[in-house]
Amino acid sequence: MRREPTEAEVKLWRILRGRRLAALKFRRQTPIPPYIADFVCFEHRLVIEADGSQHAESHYDQERDAFLAAQGFVVLRFWNHDILQRPRTIEDTILARCGLPF
């Protein structure tokens, strides 16, 4: 993703990077072995994934999410289309999950 991110990943990273969203610290492409999370906030144990249509009903993603949940993470998945068309809704969802005002 770092070398050739999708348009949605670029837009989401612009929202999350540099503590721009309510001073939350996010990292991108972060290993949580054996997986790599698109974006992670360790303080809130939150993983955010930007998904294209290839992720629809993915058994791999279900197994991955179950593993991350067992590690104490909550996984929020957003469709690329939603990231591009409704970024404010995405921000509000993240803030709500972290228990922060929006």
PDB file of N, CA and C in Angstrom:
ATOM      1  N   MET A   1       0.827  -1.197   0.000  1.00  0.00           N
ATOM      2  CA  MET A   1       0.000   0.000   0.000  1.00  0.00           C
ATOM      3  C   MET A   1       0.870   1.259   0.000  1.00  0.00           C
ATOM      4  N   ARG A   2       1.997   1.241   0.687  1.00  0.00           N
ATOM      5  CA  ARG A   2       2.807   2.460   0.738  1.00  0.00           C
ATOM      6  C   ARG A   2       3.327   2.871  -0.624  1.00  0.00           C
ATOM      7  N   ARG A   3       3.670   1.892  -1.440  1.00  0.00           N
ATOM      8  CA  ARG A   3       4.225   2.215  -2.756  1.00  0.00           C
ATOM      9  C   ARG A   3       3.160   2.617  -3.754  1.00  0.00           C
ATOM     10  N   GLU A   4       2.032   1.924  -3.724  1.00  0.00           N
ATOM     11  CA  GLU A   4       0.960   2.198  -4.680  1.00  0.00           C
ATOM     12  C   GLU A   4      -0.399   2.158  -3.975  1.00  0.00           C
ATOM     13  N   PRO A   5      -0.652   3.121  -3.103  1.00  0.00           N
ATOM     14  CA  PRO A   5      -1.937   3.112  -2.400  1.00  0.00           C
ATOM     15  C   PRO A   5      -3.085   3.464  -3.338  1.00  0.00           C
ATOM     16  N   THR A   6      -4.254   2.982  -2.986  1.00  0.00           N
ATOM     17  CA  THR A   6      -5.436   3.350  -3.750  1.00  0.00           C
ATOM     18  C   THR A   6      -5.794   4.802  -3.420  1.00  0.00           C
ATOM     19  N   GLU A   7      -6.666   5.369  -4.225  1.00  0.00           N
ATOM     20  CA  GLU A   7      -7.121   6.740  -3.972  1.00  0.00           C
ATOM     21  C   GLU A   7      -7.797   6.843  -2.599  1.00  0.00           C
ATOM     22  N   ALA A   8      -8.574   5.825  -2.247  1.00  0.00           N
ATOM     23  CA  ALA A   8      -9.260   5.827  -0.952  1.00  0.00           C
ATOM     24  C   ALA A   8      -8.268   5.742   0.206  1.00  0.00           C
ATOM     25  N   GLU A   9      -7.223   4.935   0.056  1.00  0.00           N
ATOM     26  CA  GLU A   9      -6.200   4.823   1.106  1.00  0.00           C
ATOM     27  C   GLU A   9      -5.467   6.147   1.292  1.00  0.00           C
ATOM     28  N   VAL A  10      -5.180   6.824   0.194  1.00  0.00           N
ATOM     29  CA  VAL A  10      -4.523   8.134   0.272  1.00  0.00           C
ATOM     30  C   VAL A  10      -5.424   9.118   1.013  1.00  0.00           C
ATOM     31  N   LYS A  11      -6.706   9.132   0.670  1.00  0.00           N
ATOM     32  CA  LYS A  11      -7.634  10.063   1.310  1.00  0.00           C
ATOM     33  C   LYS A  11      -7.784   9.753   2.799  1.00  0.00           C
ATOM     34  N   LEU A  12      -7.900   8.480   3.138  1.00  0.00           N
ATOM     35  CA  LEU A  12      -8.043   8.102   4.543  1.00  0.00           C
ATOM     36  C   LEU A  12      -6.783   8.443   5.327  1.00  0.00           C
ATOM     37  N   TRP A  13      -5.617   8.238   4.738  1.00  0.00           N
ATOM     38  CA  TRP A  13      -4.365   8.567   5.419  1.00  0.00           C
ATOM     39  C   TRP A  13      -4.247  10.083   5.637  1.00  0.00           C
ATOM     40  N   ARG A  14      -4.735  10.886   4.707  1.00  0.00           N
ATOM     41  CA  ARG A  14      -4.742  12.339   4.901  1.00  0.00           C
ATOM     42  C   ARG A  14      -5.579  12.734   6.120  1.00  0.00           C
ATOM     43  N   ILE A  15      -6.644  11.995   6.358  1.00  0.00           N
ATOM     44  CA  ILE A  15      -7.512  12.261   7.508  1.00  0.00           C
ATOM     45  C   ILE A  15      -6.822  11.828   8.805  1.00  0.00           C
ATOM     46  N   LEU A  16      -6.140  10.688   8.786  1.00  0.00           N
ATOM     47  CA  LEU A  16      -5.617  10.075  10.003  1.00  0.00           C
ATOM     48  C   LEU A  16      -4.209  10.506  10.392  1.00  0.00           C
ATOM     49  N   ARG A  17      -3.386  10.844   9.442  1.00  0.00           N
ATOM     50  CA  ARG A  17      -1.973  11.067   9.744  1.00  0.00           C
ATOM     51  C   ARG A  17      -1.740  12.331  10.562  1.00  0.00           C
ATOM     52  N   GLY A  18      -0.604  12.349  11.235  1.00  0.00           N
ATOM     53  CA  GLY A  18      -0.180  13.537  11.965  1.00  0.00           C
ATOM     54  C   GLY A  18      -1.139  13.976  13.061  1.00  0.00           C
ATOM     55  N   ARG A  19      -1.875  13.014  13.622  1.00  0.00           N
ATOM     56  CA  ARG A  19      -2.825  13.317  14.707  1.00  0.00           C
ATOM     57  C   ARG A  19      -3.881  14.346  14.302  1.00  0.00           C
ATOM     58  N   ARG A  20      -4.240  14.348  13.031  1.00  0.00           N
ATOM     59  CA  ARG A  20      -5.221  15.315  12.517  1.00  0.00           C
ATOM     60  C   ARG A  20      -6.636  15.047  12.996  1.00  0.00           C
ATOM     61  N   LEU A  21      -6.945  13.819  13.310  1.00  0.00           N
ATOM     62  CA  LEU A  21      -8.297  13.471  13.753  1.00  0.00           C
ATOM     63  C   LEU A  21      -8.289  13.349  15.273  1.00  0.00           C
ATOM     64  N   ALA A  22      -8.713  14.405  15.947  1.00  0.00           N
ATOM     65  CA  ALA A  22      -8.853  14.435  17.410  1.00  0.00           C
ATOM     66  C   ALA A  22      -7.571  14.009  18.133  1.00  0.00           C
ATOM     67  N   ALA A  23      -6.440  14.304  17.546  1.00  0.00           N
ATOM     68  CA  ALA A  23      -5.128  14.001  18.120  1.00  0.00           C
ATOM     69  C   ALA A  23      -4.874  12.502  18.294  1.00  0.00           C
ATOM     70  N   LEU A  24      -5.616  11.675  17.567  1.00  0.00           N
ATOM     71  CA  LEU A  24      -5.400  10.233  17.625  1.00  0.00           C
ATOM     72  C   LEU A  24      -4.154   9.872  16.823  1.00  0.00           C
ATOM     73  N   LYS A  25      -3.338   9.001  17.375  1.00  0.00           N
ATOM     74  CA  LYS A  25      -2.101   8.571  16.723  1.00  0.00           C
ATOM     75  C   LYS A  25      -2.376   7.292  15.928  1.00  0.00           C
ATOM     76  N   PHE A  26      -2.302   7.400  14.618  1.00  0.00           N
ATOM     77  CA  PHE A  26      -2.471   6.246  13.736  1.00  0.00           C
ATOM     78  C   PHE A  26      -1.156   5.936  13.039  1.00  0.00           C
ATOM     79  N   ARG A  27      -0.953   4.665  12.791  1.00  0.00           N
ATOM     80  CA  ARG A  27       0.165   4.199  11.956  1.00  0.00           C
ATOM     81  C   ARG A  27      -0.443   3.489  10.762  1.00  0.00           C
ATOM     82  N   ARG A  28       0.268   3.516   9.656  1.00  0.00           N
ATOM     83  CA  ARG A  28      -0.237   2.810   8.471  1.00  0.00           C
ATOM     84  C   ARG A  28       0.663   1.625   8.161  1.00  0.00           C
ATOM     85  N   GLN A  29       0.052   0.635   7.526  1.00  0.00           N
ATOM     86  CA  GLN A  29       0.749  -0.593   7.145  1.00  0.00           C
ATOM     87  C   GLN A  29       1.577  -1.129   8.313  1.00  0.00           C
ATOM     88  N   THR A  30       0.891  -1.392   9.406  1.00  0.00           N
ATOM     89  CA  THR A  30       1.537  -1.806  10.647  1.00  0.00           C
ATOM     90  C   THR A  30       1.385  -3.316  10.844  1.00  0.00           C
ATOM     91  N   PRO A  31       2.505  -4.000  11.063  1.00  0.00           N
ATOM     92  CA  PRO A  31       2.418  -5.440  11.311  1.00  0.00           C
ATOM     93  C   PRO A  31       1.760  -5.746  12.660  1.00  0.00           C
ATOM     94  N   ILE A  32       0.811  -6.635  12.616  1.00  0.00           N
ATOM     95  CA  ILE A  32       0.267  -7.293  13.793  1.00  0.00           C
ATOM     96  C   ILE A  32       0.324  -8.767  13.407  1.00  0.00           C
ATOM     97  N   PRO A  33       1.518  -9.353  13.581  1.00  0.00           N
ATOM     98  CA  PRO A  33       1.793 -10.678  13.024  1.00  0.00           C
ATOM     99  C   PRO A  33       0.704 -11.693  13.345  1.00  0.00           C
ATOM    100  N   PRO A  34       0.327 -12.451  12.327  1.00  0.00           N
ATOM    101  CA  PRO A  34       0.942 -12.593  11.014  1.00  0.00           C
ATOM    102  C   PRO A  34       0.336 -11.670   9.949  1.00  0.00           C
ATOM    103  N   TYR A  35      -0.396 -10.646  10.357  1.00  0.00           N
ATOM    104  CA  TYR A  35      -1.092  -9.771   9.419  1.00  0.00           C
ATOM    105  C   TYR A  35      -0.471  -8.377   9.386  1.00  0.00           C
ATOM    106  N   ILE A  36      -0.908  -7.586   8.412  1.00  0.00           N
ATOM    107  CA  ILE A  36      -0.537  -6.176   8.330  1.00  0.00           C
ATOM    108  C   ILE A  36      -1.828  -5.379   8.263  1.00  0.00           C
ATOM    109  N   ALA A  37      -1.980  -4.458   9.206  1.00  0.00           N
ATOM    110  CA  ALA A  37      -3.177  -3.621   9.264  1.00  0.00           C
ATOM    111  C   ALA A  37      -2.976  -2.389   8.395  1.00  0.00           C
ATOM    112  N   ASP A  38      -4.021  -1.977   7.677  1.00  0.00           N
ATOM    113  CA  ASP A  38      -3.927  -0.754   6.879  1.00  0.00           C
ATOM    114  C   ASP A  38      -3.586   0.432   7.774  1.00  0.00           C
ATOM    115  N   PHE A  39      -4.392   0.613   8.838  1.00  0.00           N
ATOM    116  CA  PHE A  39      -4.183   1.710   9.785  1.00  0.00           C
ATOM    117  C   PHE A  39      -4.488   1.183  11.176  1.00  0.00           C
ATOM    118  N   VAL A  40      -3.697   1.596  12.161  1.00  0.00           N
ATOM    119  CA  VAL A  40      -3.937   1.132  13.527  1.00  0.00           C
ATOM    120  C   VAL A  40      -3.686   2.252  14.526  1.00  0.00           C
ATOM    121  N   CYS A  41      -4.563   2.322  15.520  1.00  0.00           N
ATOM    122  CA  CYS A  41      -4.403   3.220  16.659  1.00  0.00           C
ATOM    123  C   CYS A  41      -4.271   2.310  17.884  1.00  0.00           C
ATOM    124  N   PHE A  42      -3.056   2.190  18.401  1.00  0.00           N
ATOM    125  CA  PHE A  42      -2.814   1.283  19.517  1.00  0.00           C
ATOM    126  C   PHE A  42      -3.489   1.772  20.795  1.00  0.00           C
ATOM    127  N   GLU A  43      -3.568   3.061  20.980  1.00  0.00           N
ATOM    128  CA  GLU A  43      -4.180   3.612  22.190  1.00  0.00           C
ATOM    129  C   GLU A  43      -5.620   3.121  22.363  1.00  0.00           C
ATOM    130  N   HIS A  44      -6.350   3.028  21.267  1.00  0.00           N
ATOM    131  CA  HIS A  44      -7.745   2.592  21.308  1.00  0.00           C
ATOM    132  C   HIS A  44      -7.933   1.176  20.775  1.00  0.00           C
ATOM    133  N   ARG A  45      -6.825   0.479  20.500  1.00  0.00           N
ATOM    134  CA  ARG A  45      -6.873  -0.893  19.992  1.00  0.00           C
ATOM    135  C   ARG A  45      -7.820  -0.974  18.791  1.00  0.00           C
ATOM    136  N   LEU A  46      -7.607  -0.058  17.855  1.00  0.00           N
ATOM    137  CA  LEU A  46      -8.487   0.090  16.700  1.00  0.00           C
ATOM    138  C   LEU A  46      -7.714  -0.125  15.407  1.00  0.00           C
ATOM    139  N   VAL A  47      -8.221  -1.024  14.585  1.00  0.00           N
ATOM    140  CA  VAL A  47      -7.675  -1.281  13.255  1.00  0.00           C
ATOM    141  C   VAL A  47      -8.702  -0.774  12.250  1.00  0.00           C
ATOM    142  N   ILE A  48      -8.226  -0.029  11.259  1.00  0.00           N
ATOM    143  CA  ILE A  48      -9.097   0.469  10.202  1.00  0.00           C
ATOM    144  C   ILE A  48      -8.616  -0.094   8.874  1.00  0.00           C
ATOM    145  N   GLU A  49      -9.545  -0.658   8.128  1.00  0.00           N
ATOM    146  CA  GLU A  49      -9.244  -1.233   6.827  1.00  0.00           C
ATOM    147  C   GLU A  49     -10.029  -0.506   5.747  1.00  0.00           C
ATOM    148  N   ALA A  50      -9.353  -0.169   4.674  1.00  0.00           N
ATOM    149  CA  ALA A  50      -9.973   0.421   3.486  1.00  0.00           C
ATOM    150  C   ALA A  50     -10.143  -0.713   2.488  1.00  0.00           C
ATOM    151  N   ASP A  51     -11.390  -1.023   2.174  1.00  0.00           N
ATOM    152  CA  ASP A  51     -11.676  -2.211   1.378  1.00  0.00           C
ATOM    153  C   ASP A  51     -12.300  -1.889   0.030  1.00  0.00           C
ATOM    154  N   GLY A  52     -11.826  -2.600  -0.971  1.00  0.00           N
ATOM    155  CA  GLY A  52     -12.441  -2.569  -2.293  1.00  0.00           C
ATOM    156  C   GLY A  52     -13.382  -3.751  -2.429  1.00  0.00           C
ATOM    157  N   SER A  53     -13.953  -3.910  -3.591  1.00  0.00           N
ATOM    158  CA  SER A  53     -14.961  -4.960  -3.806  1.00  0.00           C
ATOM    159  C   SER A  53     -14.401  -6.367  -3.626  1.00  0.00           C
ATOM    160  N   GLN A  54     -13.101  -6.545  -3.752  1.00  0.00           N
ATOM    161  CA  GLN A  54     -12.506  -7.871  -3.594  1.00  0.00           C
ATOM    162  C   GLN A  54     -12.665  -8.406  -2.180  1.00  0.00           C
ATOM    163  N   HIS A  55     -13.016  -7.537  -1.244  1.00  0.00           N
ATOM    164  CA  HIS A  55     -13.169  -7.952   0.154  1.00  0.00           C
ATOM    165  C   HIS A  55     -14.592  -8.365   0.512  1.00  0.00           C
ATOM    166  N   ALA A  56     -15.512  -8.240  -0.410  1.00  0.00           N
ATOM    167  CA  ALA A  56     -16.902  -8.601  -0.131  1.00  0.00           C
ATOM    168  C   ALA A  56     -16.995 -10.076   0.248  1.00  0.00           C
ATOM    169  N   GLU A  57     -17.546 -10.332   1.410  1.00  0.00           N
ATOM    170  CA  GLU A  57     -17.754 -11.695   1.906  1.00  0.00           C
ATOM    171  C   GLU A  57     -16.487 -12.539   1.879  1.00  0.00           C
ATOM    172  N   SER A  58     -15.363 -11.944   2.241  1.00  0.00           N
ATOM    173  CA  SER A  58     -14.078 -12.637   2.227  1.00  0.00           C
ATOM    174  C   SER A  58     -13.898 -13.474   3.494  1.00  0.00           C
ATOM    175  N   HIS A  59     -13.685 -14.779   3.320  1.00  0.00           N
ATOM    176  CA  HIS A  59     -13.430 -15.653   4.463  1.00  0.00           C
ATOM    177  C   HIS A  59     -12.092 -15.307   5.098  1.00  0.00           C
ATOM    178  N   TYR A  60     -11.127 -14.913   4.286  1.00  0.00           N
ATOM    179  CA  TYR A  60      -9.823 -14.493   4.805  1.00  0.00           C
ATOM    180  C   TYR A  60      -9.987 -13.316   5.755  1.00  0.00           C
ATOM    181  N   ASP A  61     -10.781 -12.327   5.350  1.00  0.00           N
ATOM    182  CA  ASP A  61     -11.001 -11.156   6.202  1.00  0.00           C
ATOM    183  C   ASP A  61     -11.713 -11.542   7.492  1.00  0.00           C
ATOM    184  N   GLN A  62     -12.643 -12.473   7.426  1.00  0.00           N
ATOM    185  CA  GLN A  62     -13.343 -12.923   8.629  1.00  0.00           C
ATOM    186  C   GLN A  62     -12.376 -13.585   9.607  1.00  0.00           C
ATOM    187  N   GLU A  63     -11.499 -14.425   9.093  1.00  0.00           N
ATOM    188  CA  GLU A  63     -10.496 -15.080   9.944  1.00  0.00           C
ATOM    189  C   GLU A  63      -9.533 -14.055  10.528  1.00  0.00           C
ATOM    190  N   ARG A  64      -9.128 -13.119   9.710  1.00  0.00           N
ATOM    191  CA  ARG A  64      -8.208 -12.057  10.132  1.00  0.00           C
ATOM    192  C   ARG A  64      -8.841 -11.206  11.227  1.00  0.00           C
ATOM    193  N   ASP A  65     -10.100 -10.818  11.022  1.00  0.00           N
ATOM    194  CA  ASP A  65     -10.806 -10.003  12.016  1.00  0.00           C
ATOM    195  C   ASP A  65     -10.963 -10.755  13.332  1.00  0.00           C
ATOM    196  N   ALA A  66     -11.232 -12.057  13.250  1.00  0.00           N
ATOM    197  CA  ALA A  66     -11.363 -12.869  14.462  1.00  0.00           C
ATOM    198  C   ALA A  66     -10.030 -12.928  15.206  1.00  0.00           C
ATOM    199  N   PHE A  67      -8.941 -13.081  14.469  1.00  0.00           N
ATOM    200  CA  PHE A  67      -7.615 -13.093  15.091  1.00  0.00           C
ATOM    201  C   PHE A  67      -7.341 -11.757  15.780  1.00  0.00           C
ATOM    202  N   LEU A  68      -7.602 -10.656  15.077  1.00  0.00           N
ATOM    203  CA  LEU A  68      -7.344  -9.332  15.649  1.00  0.00           C
ATOM    204  C   LEU A  68      -8.229  -9.080  16.872  1.00  0.00           C
ATOM    205  N   ALA A  69      -9.476  -9.535  16.825  1.00  0.00           N
ATOM    206  CA  ALA A  69     -10.367  -9.395  17.984  1.00  0.00           C
ATOM    207  C   ALA A  69      -9.817 -10.168  19.178  1.00  0.00           C
ATOM    208  N   ALA A  70      -9.264 -11.348  18.922  1.00  0.00           N
ATOM    209  CA  ALA A  70      -8.671 -12.142  20.000  1.00  0.00           C
ATOM    210  C   ALA A  70      -7.452 -11.446  20.605  1.00  0.00           C
ATOM    211  N   GLN A  71      -6.832 -10.550  19.834  1.00  0.00           N
ATOM    212  CA  GLN A  71      -5.690  -9.779  20.322  1.00  0.00           C
ATOM    213  C   GLN A  71      -6.146  -8.486  21.002  1.00  0.00           C
ATOM    214  N   GLY A  72      -7.452  -8.267  21.061  1.00  0.00           N
ATOM    215  CA  GLY A  72      -7.991  -7.095  21.735  1.00  0.00           C
ATOM    216  C   GLY A  72      -8.259  -5.899  20.837  1.00  0.00           C
ATOM    217  N   PHE A  73      -8.234  -6.097  19.525  1.00  0.00           N
ATOM    218  CA  PHE A  73      -8.483  -5.016  18.578  1.00  0.00           C
ATOM    219  C   PHE A  73      -9.934  -5.041  18.090  1.00  0.00           C
ATOM    220  N   VAL A  74     -10.440  -3.872  17.768  1.00  0.00           N
ATOM    221  CA  VAL A  74     -11.705  -3.734  17.053  1.00  0.00           C
ATOM    222  C   VAL A  74     -11.336  -3.356  15.624  1.00  0.00           C
ATOM    223  N   VAL A  75     -11.973  -3.983  14.666  1.00  0.00           N
ATOM    224  CA  VAL A  75     -11.689  -3.712  13.256  1.00  0.00           C
ATOM    225  C   VAL A  75     -12.872  -2.962  12.647  1.00  0.00           C
ATOM    226  N   LEU A  76     -12.584  -1.798  12.092  1.00  0.00           N
ATOM    227  CA  LEU A  76     -13.576  -1.048  11.319  1.00  0.00           C
ATOM    228  C   LEU A  76     -13.186  -1.164   9.855  1.00  0.00           C
ATOM    229  N   ARG A  77     -14.123  -1.616   9.049  1.00  0.00           N
ATOM    230  CA  ARG A  77     -13.890  -1.736   7.607  1.00  0.00           C
ATOM    231  C   ARG A  77     -14.759  -0.724   6.892  1.00  0.00           C
ATOM    232  N   PHE A  78     -14.130   0.025   6.005  1.00  0.00           N
ATOM    233  CA  PHE A  78     -14.850   1.018   5.221  1.00  0.00           C
ATOM    234  C   PHE A  78     -14.638   0.717   3.746  1.00  0.00           C
ATOM    235  N   TRP A  79     -15.710   0.795   2.987  1.00  0.00           N
ATOM    236  CA  TRP A  79     -15.602   0.617   1.543  1.00  0.00           C
ATOM    237  C   TRP A  79     -14.905   1.838   0.947  1.00  0.00           C
ATOM    238  N   ASN A  80     -14.089   1.596  -0.051  1.00  0.00           N
ATOM    239  CA  ASN A  80     -13.377   2.686  -0.724  1.00  0.00           C
ATOM    240  C   ASN A  80     -14.333   3.773  -1.186  1.00  0.00           C
ATOM    241  N   HIS A  81     -15.466   3.371  -1.748  1.00  0.00           N
ATOM    242  CA  HIS A  81     -16.450   4.340  -2.236  1.00  0.00           C
ATOM    243  C   HIS A  81     -16.904   5.272  -1.105  1.00  0.00           C
ATOM    244  N   ASP A  82     -17.151   4.717   0.068  1.00  0.00           N
ATOM    245  CA  ASP A  82     -17.592   5.533   1.202  1.00  0.00           C
ATOM    246  C   ASP A  82     -16.504   6.499   1.659  1.00  0.00           C
ATOM    247  N   ILE A  83     -15.278   6.043   1.655  1.00  0.00           N
ATOM    248  CA  ILE A  83     -14.155   6.915   2.037  1.00  0.00           C
ATOM    249  C   ILE A  83     -14.079   8.109   1.090  1.00  0.00           C
ATOM    250  N   LEU A  84     -14.247   7.848  -0.182  1.00  0.00           N
ATOM    251  CA  LEU A  84     -14.142   8.910  -1.184  1.00  0.00           C
ATOM    252  C   LEU A  84     -15.353   9.833  -1.197  1.00  0.00           C
ATOM    253  N   GLN A  85     -16.538   9.285  -0.964  1.00  0.00           N
ATOM    254  CA  GLN A  85     -17.761  10.075  -1.084  1.00  0.00           C
ATOM    255  C   GLN A  85     -18.258  10.670   0.226  1.00  0.00           C
ATOM    256  N   ARG A  86     -17.952  10.009   1.351  1.00  0.00           N
ATOM    257  CA  ARG A  86     -18.481  10.467   2.637  1.00  0.00           C
ATOM    258  C   ARG A  86     -17.409  10.463   3.724  1.00  0.00           C
ATOM    259  N   PRO A  87     -16.336  11.204   3.530  1.00  0.00           N
ATOM    260  CA  PRO A  87     -15.250  11.169   4.516  1.00  0.00           C
ATOM    261  C   PRO A  87     -15.675  11.636   5.900  1.00  0.00           C
ATOM    262  N   ARG A  88     -16.598  12.574   5.976  1.00  0.00           N
ATOM    263  CA  ARG A  88     -17.044  13.061   7.292  1.00  0.00           C
ATOM    264  C   ARG A  88     -17.747  11.948   8.082  1.00  0.00           C
ATOM    265  N   THR A  89     -18.517  11.131   7.391  1.00  0.00           N
ATOM    266  CA  THR A  89     -19.176   9.995   8.046  1.00  0.00           C
ATOM    267  C   THR A  89     -18.138   9.011   8.577  1.00  0.00           C
ATOM    268  N   ILE A  90     -17.082   8.802   7.810  1.00  0.00           N
ATOM    269  CA  ILE A  90     -15.994   7.915   8.230  1.00  0.00           C
ATOM    270  C   ILE A  90     -15.344   8.483   9.495  1.00  0.00           C
ATOM    271  N   GLU A  91     -15.049   9.775   9.483  1.00  0.00           N
ATOM    272  CA  GLU A  91     -14.455  10.427  10.659  1.00  0.00           C
ATOM    273  C   GLU A  91     -15.353  10.266  11.878  1.00  0.00           C
ATOM    274  N   ASP A  92     -16.642  10.528  11.717  1.00  0.00           N
ATOM    275  CA  ASP A  92     -17.585  10.427  12.824  1.00  0.00           C
ATOM    276  C   ASP A  92     -17.649   9.009  13.384  1.00  0.00           C
ATOM    277  N   THR A  93     -17.604   8.027  12.516  1.00  0.00           N
ATOM    278  CA  THR A  93     -17.640   6.630  12.947  1.00  0.00           C
ATOM    279  C   THR A  93     -16.402   6.290  13.773  1.00  0.00           C
ATOM    280  N   ILE A  94     -15.246   6.745  13.330  1.00  0.00           N
ATOM    281  CA  ILE A  94     -14.002   6.496  14.061  1.00  0.00           C
ATOM    282  C   ILE A  94     -14.043   7.185  15.423  1.00  0.00           C
ATOM    283  N   LEU A  95     -14.461   8.430  15.441  1.00  0.00           N
ATOM    284  CA  LEU A  95     -14.537   9.172  16.698  1.00  0.00           C
ATOM    285  C   LEU A  95     -15.519   8.523  17.669  1.00  0.00           C
ATOM    286  N   ALA A  96     -16.665   8.081  17.162  1.00  0.00           N
ATOM    287  CA  ALA A  96     -17.658   7.421  18.005  1.00  0.00           C
ATOM    288  C   ALA A  96     -17.085   6.146  18.605  1.00  0.00           C
ATOM    289  N   ARG A  97     -16.380   5.382  17.808  1.00  0.00           N
ATOM    290  CA  ARG A  97     -15.781   4.126  18.302  1.00  0.00           C
ATOM    291  C   ARG A  97     -14.763   4.410  19.399  1.00  0.00           C
ATOM    292  N   CYS A  98     -14.082   5.542  19.323  1.00  0.00           N
ATOM    293  CA  CYS A  98     -13.073   5.902  20.321  1.00  0.00           C
ATOM    294  C   CYS A  98     -13.701   6.642  21.509  1.00  0.00           C
ATOM    295  N   GLY A  99     -15.002   6.855  21.453  1.00  0.00           N
ATOM    296  CA  GLY A  99     -15.680   7.539  22.548  1.00  0.00           C
ATOM    297  C   GLY A  99     -15.381   9.023  22.599  1.00  0.00           C
ATOM    298  N   LEU A 100     -15.094   9.611  21.425  1.00  0.00           N
ATOM    299  CA  LEU A 100     -14.756  11.031  21.351  1.00  0.00           C
ATOM    300  C   LEU A 100     -15.884  11.803  20.689  1.00  0.00           C
ATOM    301  N   PRO A 101     -16.048  13.077  21.058  1.00  0.00           N
ATOM    302  CA  PRO A 101     -17.100  13.876  20.425  1.00  0.00           C
ATOM    303  C   PRO A 101     -16.795  14.148  18.953  1.00  0.00           C
ATOM    304  N   PHE A 102     -17.861  14.305  18.179  1.00  0.00           N
ATOM    305  CA  PHE A 102     -17.673  14.628  16.751  1.00  0.00           C
ATOM    306  C   PHE A 102     -18.590  15.696  16.304  1.00  0.00           C
TER     307      PHE A 102
END
